[in-house]
């Protein structure tokens, strides 16, 4: 009986066919995403990192996936503590994003922004577009990253905060002045966009 290799081995088997790292980075810079901070731990032992590789997985049970570098202290802490919290940053929280992206040493990152605790003790960012607290339900190593699946046990959202977006290697905001209207065939009409001034 033939066995299928685990996903991490399957990726390695195709490494010679893969695009280069610069080509990967250039291409994926077009994939805009909400800037998030993933955290684990309690109080002074908390660790966090800016992430954009996250997506909703399931509504039943309510689940989300985050991708964290496999050899990082944060990945080890999420696995050890069996949970993580996630803050979806709001426009105006670029300094928090920069701090957790490594521009500030790990021990001082939670001094940027206003932080409280979830009942679990994990960090909760005030003023974020949305925040989640999650229990770890699954994990898998893929390439040099760990995918952590969290079952969402608590949320908090802001009705007035728009998400901070990362795309084309810069922070961006939602343009509320432009909207796509659907044509009678159900598709958005193709209209050329104006070049940036």
N, C-alpha and C. Protein backbone atom coordinates (compact mmCIF):
# COMPACT_ATOMS: atom_id res chain seq x y z
N UNK A 1 0.84 -1.18 0.00
CA UNK A 1 0.00 0.00 0.00
C UNK A 1 0.89 1.24 0.00
N UNK A 2 0.59 2.20 -0.89
CA UNK A 2 1.42 3.39 -1.03
C UNK A 2 0.99 4.45 -0.01
N UNK A 3 1.96 5.03 0.67
CA UNK A 3 1.67 6.07 1.65
C UNK A 3 2.01 7.43 1.07
N UNK A 4 1.17 8.42 1.37
CA UNK A 4 1.43 9.79 0.94
C UNK A 4 2.35 10.45 1.96
N UNK A 5 3.42 11.11 1.50
CA UNK A 5 4.32 11.75 2.46
C UNK A 5 3.65 12.93 3.13
N UNK A 6 4.08 13.28 4.35
CA UNK A 6 3.53 14.46 5.01
C UNK A 6 3.76 15.69 4.14
N UNK A 7 2.92 16.76 4.32
CA UNK A 7 3.05 17.95 3.48
C UNK A 7 4.44 18.55 3.45
N UNK A 8 5.15 18.57 4.59
CA UNK A 8 6.48 19.18 4.60
C UNK A 8 7.44 18.42 3.69
N UNK A 9 7.31 17.09 3.62
CA UNK A 9 8.16 16.30 2.73
C UNK A 9 7.76 16.50 1.27
N UNK A 10 6.45 16.64 1.03
CA UNK A 10 5.98 16.85 -0.34
C UNK A 10 6.51 18.17 -0.89
N UNK A 11 6.57 19.19 -0.07
CA UNK A 11 7.10 20.48 -0.51
C UNK A 11 8.58 20.34 -0.84
N UNK A 12 9.34 19.65 0.01
CA UNK A 12 10.77 19.47 -0.24
C UNK A 12 11.01 18.71 -1.54
N UNK A 13 10.13 17.77 -1.87
CA UNK A 13 10.30 16.97 -3.08
C UNK A 13 10.22 17.81 -4.35
N UNK A 14 9.55 18.96 -4.27
CA UNK A 14 9.39 19.83 -5.44
C UNK A 14 10.28 21.08 -5.36
N UNK A 15 11.23 21.09 -4.43
CA UNK A 15 12.05 22.29 -4.22
C UNK A 15 12.82 22.69 -5.47
N UNK A 16 13.23 21.71 -6.28
CA UNK A 16 14.00 22.04 -7.48
C UNK A 16 13.13 22.70 -8.55
N UNK A 17 11.80 22.61 -8.42
CA UNK A 17 10.89 23.22 -9.37
C UNK A 17 10.38 24.58 -8.90
N UNK A 18 10.68 24.94 -7.67
CA UNK A 18 10.12 26.15 -7.06
C UNK A 18 10.73 27.41 -7.64
N UNK A 19 9.97 28.51 -7.56
CA UNK A 19 10.49 29.81 -7.97
C UNK A 19 11.50 30.28 -6.94
N UNK A 20 12.31 31.26 -7.29
CA UNK A 20 13.32 31.79 -6.38
C UNK A 20 12.65 32.58 -5.26
N UNK A 21 13.39 32.77 -4.16
CA UNK A 21 12.85 33.53 -3.03
C UNK A 21 12.51 34.97 -3.43
N UNK A 22 13.37 35.70 -4.19
CA UNK A 22 12.99 37.05 -4.62
C UNK A 22 11.73 37.05 -5.49
N UNK A 23 11.61 36.08 -6.38
CA UNK A 23 10.41 36.01 -7.23
C UNK A 23 9.17 35.73 -6.39
N UNK A 24 9.32 34.84 -5.41
CA UNK A 24 8.22 34.56 -4.49
C UNK A 24 7.79 35.83 -3.76
N UNK A 25 8.78 36.56 -3.20
CA UNK A 25 8.47 37.77 -2.44
C UNK A 25 7.82 38.83 -3.31
N UNK A 26 8.34 39.02 -4.52
CA UNK A 26 7.75 40.02 -5.43
C UNK A 26 6.32 39.66 -5.79
N UNK A 27 6.09 38.41 -6.10
CA UNK A 27 4.75 37.99 -6.49
C UNK A 27 3.76 38.10 -5.34
N UNK A 28 4.15 37.61 -4.17
CA UNK A 28 3.24 37.61 -3.03
C UNK A 28 3.05 38.99 -2.42
N UNK A 29 3.87 39.97 -2.81
CA UNK A 29 3.65 41.33 -2.32
C UNK A 29 2.33 41.88 -2.83
N UNK A 30 1.77 41.26 -3.86
CA UNK A 30 0.48 41.68 -4.40
C UNK A 30 -0.69 41.12 -3.61
N UNK A 31 -0.42 40.22 -2.68
CA UNK A 31 -1.48 39.62 -1.87
C UNK A 31 -1.67 40.48 -0.62
N UNK A 32 -2.55 41.46 -0.71
CA UNK A 32 -2.79 42.37 0.41
C UNK A 32 -3.48 41.64 1.55
N UNK A 33 -3.14 42.03 2.78
CA UNK A 33 -3.70 41.36 3.95
C UNK A 33 -3.77 42.32 5.13
N UNK A 34 -4.68 42.02 6.05
CA UNK A 34 -4.74 42.77 7.31
C UNK A 34 -3.50 42.47 8.12
N UNK A 35 -2.89 43.51 8.68
CA UNK A 35 -1.72 43.34 9.53
C UNK A 35 -2.20 42.89 10.92
N UNK A 36 -1.62 41.81 11.43
CA UNK A 36 -2.02 41.26 12.72
C UNK A 36 -0.81 41.11 13.63
N UNK A 37 -1.07 41.02 14.92
CA UNK A 37 -0.04 40.64 15.89
C UNK A 37 -0.51 39.38 16.57
N UNK A 38 0.28 38.32 16.45
CA UNK A 38 0.02 37.06 17.14
C UNK A 38 0.82 37.05 18.44
N UNK A 39 0.17 36.63 19.52
CA UNK A 39 0.81 36.63 20.84
C UNK A 39 0.56 35.31 21.56
N UNK A 40 1.45 35.03 22.50
CA UNK A 40 1.27 33.89 23.40
C UNK A 40 1.95 34.23 24.72
N UNK A 41 1.62 33.49 25.75
CA UNK A 41 2.24 33.73 27.05
C UNK A 41 1.41 34.67 27.90
N UNK A 42 1.93 34.95 29.10
CA UNK A 42 1.24 35.79 30.08
C UNK A 42 2.19 36.83 30.64
N UNK A 43 1.67 38.05 30.83
CA UNK A 43 2.43 39.11 31.49
C UNK A 43 3.80 39.33 30.88
N UNK A 44 4.84 39.43 31.72
CA UNK A 44 6.18 39.72 31.21
C UNK A 44 6.77 38.60 30.36
N UNK A 45 6.15 37.42 30.41
CA UNK A 45 6.65 36.29 29.61
C UNK A 45 5.98 36.20 28.24
N UNK A 46 5.18 37.21 27.88
CA UNK A 46 4.48 37.19 26.60
C UNK A 46 5.45 37.42 25.45
N UNK A 47 5.17 36.77 24.34
CA UNK A 47 5.91 36.97 23.10
C UNK A 47 4.91 37.28 21.99
N UNK A 48 5.32 38.12 21.05
CA UNK A 48 4.43 38.45 19.95
C UNK A 48 5.19 38.76 18.69
N UNK A 49 4.49 38.68 17.56
CA UNK A 49 5.11 38.91 16.26
C UNK A 49 4.06 39.42 15.28
N UNK A 50 4.45 40.35 14.42
CA UNK A 50 3.58 40.81 13.35
C UNK A 50 3.44 39.70 12.31
N UNK A 51 2.20 39.44 11.89
CA UNK A 51 1.94 38.43 10.87
C UNK A 51 0.91 38.95 9.88
N UNK A 52 1.04 38.52 8.64
CA UNK A 52 -0.02 38.74 7.66
C UNK A 52 -0.51 37.41 7.09
N UNK A 53 0.21 36.33 7.38
CA UNK A 53 -0.19 35.01 6.89
C UNK A 53 -1.16 34.39 7.89
N UNK A 54 -2.43 34.75 7.75
CA UNK A 54 -3.49 34.24 8.61
C UNK A 54 -4.78 34.19 7.80
N UNK A 55 -5.63 33.24 8.12
CA UNK A 55 -6.91 33.17 7.42
C UNK A 55 -7.94 32.41 8.25
N UNK A 56 -9.21 32.72 8.01
CA UNK A 56 -10.27 32.01 8.70
C UNK A 56 -10.37 30.61 8.10
N UNK A 57 -10.68 29.64 8.95
CA UNK A 57 -10.69 28.25 8.50
C UNK A 57 -12.10 27.67 8.51
N UNK A 58 -12.82 27.90 9.60
CA UNK A 58 -14.11 27.23 9.76
C UNK A 58 -14.99 28.05 10.69
N UNK A 59 -16.30 27.99 10.43
CA UNK A 59 -17.25 28.60 11.35
C UNK A 59 -17.75 27.60 12.37
N UNK A 60 -17.55 26.32 12.11
CA UNK A 60 -18.02 25.28 13.02
C UNK A 60 -16.98 24.16 13.14
N UNK A 61 -16.09 24.18 14.14
CA UNK A 61 -16.00 25.21 15.18
C UNK A 61 -15.32 26.47 14.62
N UNK A 62 -15.57 27.63 15.25
CA UNK A 62 -14.94 28.86 14.77
C UNK A 62 -13.41 28.77 14.89
N UNK A 63 -12.73 28.81 13.75
CA UNK A 63 -11.29 28.53 13.75
C UNK A 63 -10.55 29.48 12.82
N UNK A 64 -9.31 29.73 13.16
CA UNK A 64 -8.43 30.59 12.36
C UNK A 64 -7.05 29.93 12.29
N UNK A 65 -6.31 30.22 11.23
CA UNK A 65 -4.96 29.67 11.04
C UNK A 65 -3.97 30.82 11.01
N UNK A 66 -2.86 30.65 11.71
CA UNK A 66 -1.75 31.59 11.62
C UNK A 66 -0.49 30.83 11.25
N UNK A 67 0.42 31.51 10.57
CA UNK A 67 1.68 30.91 10.16
C UNK A 67 2.83 31.62 10.88
N UNK A 68 3.63 30.84 11.59
CA UNK A 68 4.73 31.38 12.39
C UNK A 68 6.00 30.60 12.05
N UNK A 69 7.14 31.30 11.97
CA UNK A 69 8.42 30.63 11.67
C UNK A 69 8.65 29.50 12.68
N UNK A 70 8.93 28.32 12.17
CA UNK A 70 8.97 27.11 13.00
C UNK A 70 10.02 27.15 14.09
N UNK A 71 11.17 27.79 13.82
CA UNK A 71 12.26 27.78 14.82
C UNK A 71 12.21 28.99 15.75
N UNK A 72 11.09 29.73 15.76
CA UNK A 72 11.00 30.94 16.58
C UNK A 72 10.56 30.62 18.01
N UNK A 73 10.95 31.46 18.97
CA UNK A 73 10.47 31.29 20.34
C UNK A 73 8.94 31.38 20.43
N UNK A 74 8.32 32.21 19.56
CA UNK A 74 6.86 32.33 19.60
C UNK A 74 6.19 31.01 19.22
N UNK A 75 6.69 30.34 18.20
CA UNK A 75 6.12 29.04 17.80
C UNK A 75 6.23 28.05 18.95
N UNK A 76 7.36 28.02 19.61
CA UNK A 76 7.56 27.10 20.74
C UNK A 76 6.60 27.41 21.88
N UNK A 77 6.37 28.71 22.13
CA UNK A 77 5.48 29.11 23.23
C UNK A 77 4.02 28.78 22.91
N UNK A 78 3.60 29.01 21.66
CA UNK A 78 2.23 28.65 21.27
C UNK A 78 2.01 27.15 21.47
N UNK A 79 2.98 26.35 21.03
CA UNK A 79 2.85 24.90 21.18
C UNK A 79 2.83 24.49 22.65
N UNK A 80 3.69 25.10 23.46
CA UNK A 80 3.78 24.73 24.88
C UNK A 80 2.53 25.16 25.65
N UNK A 81 2.01 26.34 25.36
CA UNK A 81 0.88 26.88 26.11
C UNK A 81 -0.47 26.51 25.50
N UNK A 82 -0.43 25.86 24.32
CA UNK A 82 -1.64 25.38 23.66
C UNK A 82 -2.66 26.48 23.38
N UNK A 83 -2.16 27.65 22.95
CA UNK A 83 -3.07 28.73 22.60
C UNK A 83 -2.32 29.97 22.14
N UNK A 84 -3.09 30.89 21.56
CA UNK A 84 -2.52 32.17 21.13
C UNK A 84 -3.64 33.20 21.04
N UNK A 85 -3.26 34.47 21.03
CA UNK A 85 -4.23 35.54 20.77
C UNK A 85 -3.79 36.26 19.51
N UNK A 86 -4.74 36.94 18.90
CA UNK A 86 -4.48 37.63 17.64
C UNK A 86 -5.14 38.99 17.68
N UNK A 87 -4.39 40.02 17.31
CA UNK A 87 -4.93 41.38 17.18
C UNK A 87 -4.87 41.78 15.72
N UNK A 88 -6.02 42.09 15.13
CA UNK A 88 -6.08 42.62 13.77
C UNK A 88 -5.95 44.13 13.90
N UNK A 89 -4.80 44.66 13.45
CA UNK A 89 -4.49 46.05 13.70
C UNK A 89 -5.40 46.99 12.92
N UNK A 90 -5.59 48.17 13.49
CA UNK A 90 -6.41 49.22 12.88
C UNK A 90 -5.51 50.26 12.23
N UNK A 91 -6.07 51.01 11.30
CA UNK A 91 -5.34 52.14 10.73
C UNK A 91 -4.87 53.03 11.87
N UNK A 92 -3.63 53.49 11.79
CA UNK A 92 -3.05 54.30 12.85
C UNK A 92 -2.21 53.50 13.82
N UNK A 93 -2.20 52.17 13.69
CA UNK A 93 -1.40 51.33 14.59
C UNK A 93 -0.13 50.81 13.91
N UNK A 94 0.39 51.61 12.98
CA UNK A 94 1.59 51.22 12.26
C UNK A 94 2.79 51.06 13.18
N UNK A 95 2.89 51.88 14.23
CA UNK A 95 4.02 51.76 15.16
C UNK A 95 4.00 50.42 15.89
N UNK A 96 2.80 49.93 16.20
CA UNK A 96 2.68 48.62 16.84
C UNK A 96 3.14 47.54 15.87
N UNK A 97 2.70 47.66 14.61
CA UNK A 97 3.11 46.68 13.58
C UNK A 97 4.63 46.67 13.44
N UNK A 98 5.25 47.85 13.39
CA UNK A 98 6.70 47.93 13.25
C UNK A 98 7.41 47.32 14.47
N UNK A 99 6.89 47.63 15.66
CA UNK A 99 7.51 47.12 16.88
C UNK A 99 7.54 45.60 16.88
N UNK A 100 6.41 44.98 16.53
CA UNK A 100 6.32 43.53 16.57
C UNK A 100 6.91 42.87 15.33
N UNK A 101 7.28 43.68 14.34
CA UNK A 101 7.99 43.14 13.17
C UNK A 101 9.49 43.07 13.43
N UNK A 102 9.92 43.54 14.60
CA UNK A 102 11.33 43.41 14.96
C UNK A 102 12.08 44.72 15.10
N UNK A 103 11.39 45.85 14.93
CA UNK A 103 12.08 47.14 15.06
C UNK A 103 12.34 47.51 16.51
N UNK A 104 11.72 46.78 17.43
CA UNK A 104 11.94 46.96 18.86
C UNK A 104 12.25 45.58 19.44
N UNK A 105 13.16 45.51 20.39
CA UNK A 105 13.51 44.21 20.97
C UNK A 105 12.29 43.58 21.65
N UNK A 106 12.26 42.26 21.65
CA UNK A 106 11.09 41.50 22.09
C UNK A 106 10.60 41.89 23.47
N UNK A 107 11.51 42.18 24.41
CA UNK A 107 11.11 42.47 25.79
C UNK A 107 10.39 43.81 25.94
N UNK A 108 10.47 44.68 24.92
CA UNK A 108 9.85 46.02 25.03
C UNK A 108 8.66 46.21 24.10
N UNK A 109 8.30 45.20 23.35
CA UNK A 109 7.24 45.37 22.34
C UNK A 109 5.89 45.69 22.96
N UNK A 110 5.58 45.12 24.11
CA UNK A 110 4.26 45.35 24.70
C UNK A 110 4.17 46.71 25.40
N UNK A 111 5.24 47.50 25.34
CA UNK A 111 5.17 48.88 25.81
C UNK A 111 4.60 49.79 24.73
N UNK A 112 4.49 49.28 23.50
CA UNK A 112 3.93 50.04 22.38
C UNK A 112 2.46 49.64 22.24
N UNK A 113 1.56 50.61 22.32
CA UNK A 113 0.14 50.32 22.31
C UNK A 113 -0.37 50.10 23.72
N UNK A 114 -1.68 49.96 23.85
CA UNK A 114 -2.30 49.73 25.16
C UNK A 114 -2.80 48.29 25.19
N UNK A 115 -2.26 47.53 26.12
CA UNK A 115 -2.53 46.10 26.19
C UNK A 115 -3.25 45.74 27.49
N UNK A 116 -4.16 44.79 27.40
CA UNK A 116 -4.83 44.22 28.55
C UNK A 116 -4.68 42.70 28.43
N UNK A 117 -5.44 41.94 29.22
CA UNK A 117 -5.35 40.49 29.17
C UNK A 117 -6.72 39.89 28.88
N UNK A 118 -6.73 38.81 28.12
CA UNK A 118 -7.91 37.97 28.02
C UNK A 118 -8.06 37.20 29.33
N UNK A 119 -9.21 36.62 29.63
CA UNK A 119 -9.32 35.77 30.83
C UNK A 119 -8.27 34.66 30.87
N UNK A 120 -7.80 34.22 29.71
CA UNK A 120 -6.75 33.20 29.64
C UNK A 120 -5.40 33.73 30.10
N UNK A 121 -5.27 35.08 30.17
CA UNK A 121 -4.00 35.70 30.50
C UNK A 121 -3.21 36.13 29.28
N UNK A 122 -3.63 35.69 28.08
CA UNK A 122 -2.91 36.08 26.86
C UNK A 122 -3.17 37.55 26.56
N UNK A 123 -2.22 38.21 25.85
CA UNK A 123 -2.34 39.64 25.59
C UNK A 123 -3.53 39.99 24.69
N UNK A 124 -4.19 41.13 25.01
CA UNK A 124 -5.30 41.65 24.23
C UNK A 124 -5.03 43.13 23.94
N UNK A 125 -4.91 43.49 22.67
CA UNK A 125 -4.61 44.86 22.27
C UNK A 125 -5.88 45.69 22.24
N UNK A 126 -5.88 46.81 22.95
CA UNK A 126 -7.02 47.72 22.93
C UNK A 126 -6.91 48.62 21.70
N UNK A 127 -8.05 48.94 21.11
CA UNK A 127 -8.07 49.84 19.95
C UNK A 127 -7.84 49.15 18.62
N UNK A 128 -7.69 47.83 18.64
CA UNK A 128 -7.50 47.09 17.39
C UNK A 128 -8.83 47.01 16.65
N UNK A 129 -8.76 46.71 15.35
CA UNK A 129 -9.99 46.51 14.58
C UNK A 129 -10.76 45.31 15.12
N UNK A 130 -10.04 44.26 15.47
CA UNK A 130 -10.64 43.07 16.08
C UNK A 130 -9.56 42.31 16.83
N UNK A 131 -9.97 41.61 17.88
CA UNK A 131 -9.02 40.79 18.64
C UNK A 131 -9.68 39.44 18.92
N UNK A 132 -8.84 38.41 18.99
CA UNK A 132 -9.32 37.03 19.21
C UNK A 132 -8.46 36.35 20.25
N UNK A 133 -9.08 35.45 21.01
CA UNK A 133 -8.32 34.56 21.87
C UNK A 133 -8.64 33.14 21.43
N UNK A 134 -7.60 32.32 21.31
CA UNK A 134 -7.75 31.00 20.69
C UNK A 134 -7.09 29.91 21.51
N UNK A 135 -7.73 28.75 21.52
CA UNK A 135 -7.12 27.53 22.03
C UNK A 135 -6.56 26.76 20.85
N UNK A 136 -5.35 26.26 21.00
CA UNK A 136 -4.70 25.54 19.91
C UNK A 136 -5.41 24.20 19.70
N UNK A 137 -5.87 23.96 18.46
CA UNK A 137 -6.55 22.70 18.16
C UNK A 137 -5.76 21.81 17.21
N UNK A 138 -4.81 22.38 16.46
CA UNK A 138 -3.99 21.57 15.56
C UNK A 138 -2.79 22.38 15.12
N UNK A 139 -1.76 21.68 14.66
CA UNK A 139 -0.59 22.36 14.09
C UNK A 139 0.07 21.42 13.10
N UNK A 140 0.73 22.02 12.13
CA UNK A 140 1.46 21.23 11.14
C UNK A 140 2.66 22.04 10.67
N UNK A 141 3.79 21.38 10.50
CA UNK A 141 4.98 22.04 9.99
C UNK A 141 4.98 21.94 8.47
N UNK A 142 5.08 23.09 7.82
CA UNK A 142 5.13 23.16 6.36
C UNK A 142 6.32 24.02 5.98
N UNK A 143 7.30 23.44 5.30
CA UNK A 143 8.50 24.19 4.97
C UNK A 143 9.18 24.66 6.25
N UNK A 144 9.49 25.96 6.32
CA UNK A 144 10.15 26.50 7.51
C UNK A 144 9.17 27.19 8.46
N UNK A 145 7.87 26.94 8.31
CA UNK A 145 6.85 27.55 9.15
C UNK A 145 5.96 26.51 9.80
N UNK A 146 5.35 26.91 10.91
CA UNK A 146 4.32 26.11 11.56
C UNK A 146 2.98 26.78 11.30
N UNK A 147 2.01 25.98 10.88
CA UNK A 147 0.64 26.46 10.78
C UNK A 147 -0.08 26.05 12.06
N UNK A 148 -0.61 27.04 12.78
CA UNK A 148 -1.33 26.79 14.03
C UNK A 148 -2.81 27.06 13.80
N UNK A 149 -3.64 26.09 14.10
CA UNK A 149 -5.09 26.25 14.01
C UNK A 149 -5.61 26.55 15.40
N UNK A 150 -6.30 27.68 15.53
CA UNK A 150 -6.85 28.05 16.82
C UNK A 150 -8.36 28.03 16.81
N UNK A 151 -8.97 27.40 17.82
CA UNK A 151 -10.41 27.50 18.02
C UNK A 151 -10.67 28.79 18.78
N UNK A 152 -11.48 29.65 18.21
CA UNK A 152 -11.71 30.98 18.78
C UNK A 152 -12.66 30.88 19.96
N UNK A 153 -12.21 31.34 21.13
CA UNK A 153 -13.02 31.25 22.34
C UNK A 153 -13.51 32.61 22.82
N UNK A 154 -12.96 33.70 22.29
CA UNK A 154 -13.41 35.04 22.67
C UNK A 154 -13.01 36.02 21.58
N UNK A 155 -13.86 37.02 21.36
CA UNK A 155 -13.56 38.06 20.37
C UNK A 155 -13.98 39.43 20.89
N UNK A 156 -13.37 40.43 20.31
CA UNK A 156 -13.79 41.81 20.56
C UNK A 156 -13.55 42.58 19.26
N UNK A 157 -14.53 43.35 18.83
CA UNK A 157 -14.39 44.11 17.58
C UNK A 157 -14.70 45.58 17.83
N UNK A 158 -14.20 46.42 16.93
CA UNK A 158 -14.47 47.84 16.99
C UNK A 158 -15.34 48.23 15.80
N UNK A 159 -16.41 48.95 16.07
CA UNK A 159 -17.31 49.38 15.00
C UNK A 159 -16.74 50.55 14.21
N UNK A 160 -15.72 51.20 14.76
CA UNK A 160 -15.22 52.44 14.15
C UNK A 160 -13.80 52.34 13.60
N UNK A 161 -13.17 51.18 13.71
CA UNK A 161 -11.78 51.06 13.26
C UNK A 161 -11.72 50.28 11.96
N UNK A 162 -11.02 50.83 10.97
CA UNK A 162 -10.78 50.11 9.73
C UNK A 162 -9.46 49.36 9.84
N UNK A 163 -9.36 48.20 9.20
CA UNK A 163 -8.13 47.40 9.33
C UNK A 163 -6.94 48.05 8.64
N UNK A 164 -5.78 47.85 9.22
CA UNK A 164 -4.52 48.27 8.61
C UNK A 164 -4.12 47.20 7.60
N UNK A 165 -3.87 47.62 6.37
CA UNK A 165 -3.59 46.69 5.29
C UNK A 165 -2.10 46.74 4.92
N UNK A 166 -1.52 45.58 4.60
CA UNK A 166 -0.15 45.49 4.09
C UNK A 166 -0.22 44.93 2.68
N UNK A 167 0.31 45.67 1.73
CA UNK A 167 0.37 45.21 0.35
C UNK A 167 1.39 46.02 -0.41
N UNK A 168 2.04 45.39 -1.38
CA UNK A 168 3.09 46.04 -2.15
C UNK A 168 4.18 46.61 -1.25
N UNK A 169 4.46 45.91 -0.16
CA UNK A 169 5.54 46.24 0.80
C UNK A 169 5.33 47.59 1.50
N UNK A 170 4.08 47.96 1.73
CA UNK A 170 3.81 49.19 2.48
C UNK A 170 2.45 49.09 3.15
N UNK A 171 2.25 49.93 4.19
CA UNK A 171 0.96 50.00 4.85
C UNK A 171 -0.02 50.74 3.94
N UNK A 172 -1.24 50.26 3.93
CA UNK A 172 -2.28 50.89 3.13
C UNK A 172 -3.57 50.92 3.93
N UNK A 173 -4.51 51.75 3.46
CA UNK A 173 -5.80 51.82 4.13
C UNK A 173 -6.90 51.54 3.11
N UNK A 174 -8.06 51.21 3.62
CA UNK A 174 -9.20 50.99 2.74
C UNK A 174 -9.64 52.32 2.16
N UNK A 175 -9.94 52.35 0.88
CA UNK A 175 -10.42 53.57 0.24
C UNK A 175 -11.95 53.52 0.26
N UNK A 176 -12.55 54.23 1.22
CA UNK A 176 -14.00 54.22 1.37
C UNK A 176 -14.69 55.08 0.32
N UNK A 177 -13.92 55.88 -0.43
CA UNK A 177 -14.54 56.75 -1.43
C UNK A 177 -14.80 56.01 -2.73
N UNK A 178 -14.16 54.85 -2.91
CA UNK A 178 -14.33 54.05 -4.12
C UNK A 178 -15.05 52.76 -3.79
N UNK A 179 -15.99 52.40 -4.61
CA UNK A 179 -16.61 51.10 -4.44
C UNK A 179 -16.83 50.50 -5.82
N UNK A 180 -16.86 49.19 -5.86
CA UNK A 180 -17.10 48.50 -7.12
C UNK A 180 -18.59 48.21 -7.23
N UNK A 181 -19.19 48.69 -8.30
CA UNK A 181 -20.61 48.42 -8.51
C UNK A 181 -20.75 47.26 -9.47
N UNK A 182 -21.68 46.39 -9.18
CA UNK A 182 -21.89 45.24 -10.05
C UNK A 182 -22.73 45.63 -11.25
N UNK A 183 -22.32 45.17 -12.40
CA UNK A 183 -23.10 45.37 -13.61
C UNK A 183 -24.28 44.40 -13.59
N UNK A 184 -25.18 44.51 -14.56
CA UNK A 184 -26.38 43.67 -14.59
C UNK A 184 -26.04 42.19 -14.70
N UNK A 185 -24.83 41.87 -15.23
CA UNK A 185 -24.44 40.46 -15.34
C UNK A 185 -23.82 39.92 -14.05
N UNK A 186 -23.78 40.76 -12.98
CA UNK A 186 -23.26 40.30 -11.69
C UNK A 186 -21.76 40.46 -11.53
N UNK A 187 -21.07 41.03 -12.52
CA UNK A 187 -19.63 41.23 -12.45
C UNK A 187 -19.31 42.71 -12.30
N UNK A 188 -18.21 42.99 -11.64
CA UNK A 188 -17.78 44.38 -11.52
C UNK A 188 -17.31 44.87 -12.88
N UNK A 189 -17.74 46.07 -13.29
CA UNK A 189 -17.29 46.59 -14.58
C UNK A 189 -15.81 46.86 -14.57
N UNK A 190 -15.15 46.67 -15.69
CA UNK A 190 -13.71 46.93 -15.80
C UNK A 190 -13.53 48.40 -16.16
N UNK A 191 -12.95 49.15 -15.22
CA UNK A 191 -12.65 50.55 -15.48
C UNK A 191 -11.21 50.80 -15.10
N UNK A 192 -10.49 51.53 -15.92
CA UNK A 192 -9.08 51.78 -15.59
C UNK A 192 -9.00 52.64 -14.34
N UNK A 193 -8.03 52.33 -13.47
CA UNK A 193 -7.83 53.16 -12.28
C UNK A 193 -6.88 54.29 -12.61
N UNK A 194 -7.03 55.40 -11.89
CA UNK A 194 -6.16 56.55 -12.12
C UNK A 194 -4.79 56.27 -11.53
N UNK A 195 -3.74 56.70 -12.21
CA UNK A 195 -2.41 56.52 -11.64
C UNK A 195 -2.24 57.37 -10.38
N UNK A 196 -1.40 56.91 -9.48
CA UNK A 196 -1.14 57.67 -8.25
C UNK A 196 -0.50 59.00 -8.60
N UNK A 197 -0.90 60.03 -7.85
CA UNK A 197 -0.36 61.37 -8.10
C UNK A 197 1.07 61.47 -7.64
